[in-house]
Amino acid sequence: MPSIKAAIIGFGTVGKGVYKIVDEKREQIKKQTGYTVDIVAVLVRDITKTRNIFPGTVLTDNIDDILNNPEITVIFEAIVDEEPAYTYLSQAIEKGIHIITANKKMFAKHGPALLKHAEFRNIQVGYEATTAGGVPIIRTIGNLLSGDRVKRIQGILNGTSNFILTDMRTEGVPFKTALEDAQKLGFAEADPTDDVSGTDAFCKLMILSSLAFGSQPEWEKVSVVGIDHIQTDDVVEASNAGYRYRHVADIRQNDDGSLTAKVGPVLLEANHPLYSIDGVDNAVIVETEYLGALTLIGPGAGMYPTGSAMVADLLHIIRQQVTELIPN
């Protein structure tokens, strides 16, 4: 049975999720594709830390151990920061290695450059996991663009913020307690700043903008507001009046082709498609010229939704690039 050799860069929550899914779904992947997938190397910052990986998997803190391994044809990138992720992925493309990323902050800024570089090198780039966790919004919009035009995208793009707002409403707890609950359940990072400030949702919106409209609005002109200023009394009062707070990212293309975008908490009535989206779920409404409004809903935070999206990208790449994935 031919084997596809892959590496993981970054072994935090998402990286571990990818590793577990590839292992647990090994037989299923083999049945679907005719190939086995082996994670042969993992890049970490501290190689002295104990890791739950199989014997034979190379644990390294040197990216060259991965880039210079001729057997590796796919890299899963799960680093939080913009750098060194962008540099590593650029080097991987130059080496002819297909890349799959979950790094929304990096991809919002450098995605267009990576995609252009990859196209020149005939390399596949999977980035479904950068936006809305387990919601297959990237591939859905890509399919829509073949015969339709996207006019507006509106959605709950951050599962952590949605969980916090839900917890504040249903349990009557203050923001700080709801955030601690999210952290205990693994829905929020130790440093949740990007989630609660709106930065995470903004980056995801810019990724969707590049895909749907071929460009992004000027970042400094986009209003970005988080949820950290919302009080429990505000949430309860709104709920009693028949409204719910949702943290919504919204972008539309105007008649002149320009883009208008904003990110922040809004009050929604019961007839709005995002009103009933609770917990860590994400939801995205895509309005198109011919199809109308399409709503996709799914889990948006946690190890497995993001890891699952990355493995789905792998399966797509296998189907597209089978011959190039097995070294001669």
Foldseek 3Di string as FASTA:
>chain_A
DAEFEEEEEDCDLQNVLLVVCLVVCQVVLCVVQVYGYDHQEYADCDPVDDDPDDPRRHYYPDLCVVLVPVRHQEYEYEDADLPPRVVSLLSNLVSNHAYEYQHLVNCLPCVVVSVVSNVVSVHHYHHQNVWFQQWSPLVVLVVCVVPWAWFKKKKQTQLLQQQLQQCLQPVVDWSVVSNVVCVVVQQADPDRCCRQQQVSVVSNVSNVCCRRQVHGADPVQEATGGHNVDTSVNQNVLVVVQWHKGFMWMWGQDPVRHMHIYTGIDIDHPVDPCGPDHHSKMKMWIAIDPPGIDMIIDGRGGRNSSSVSRVVSVSVCCVVPVVSSGDD
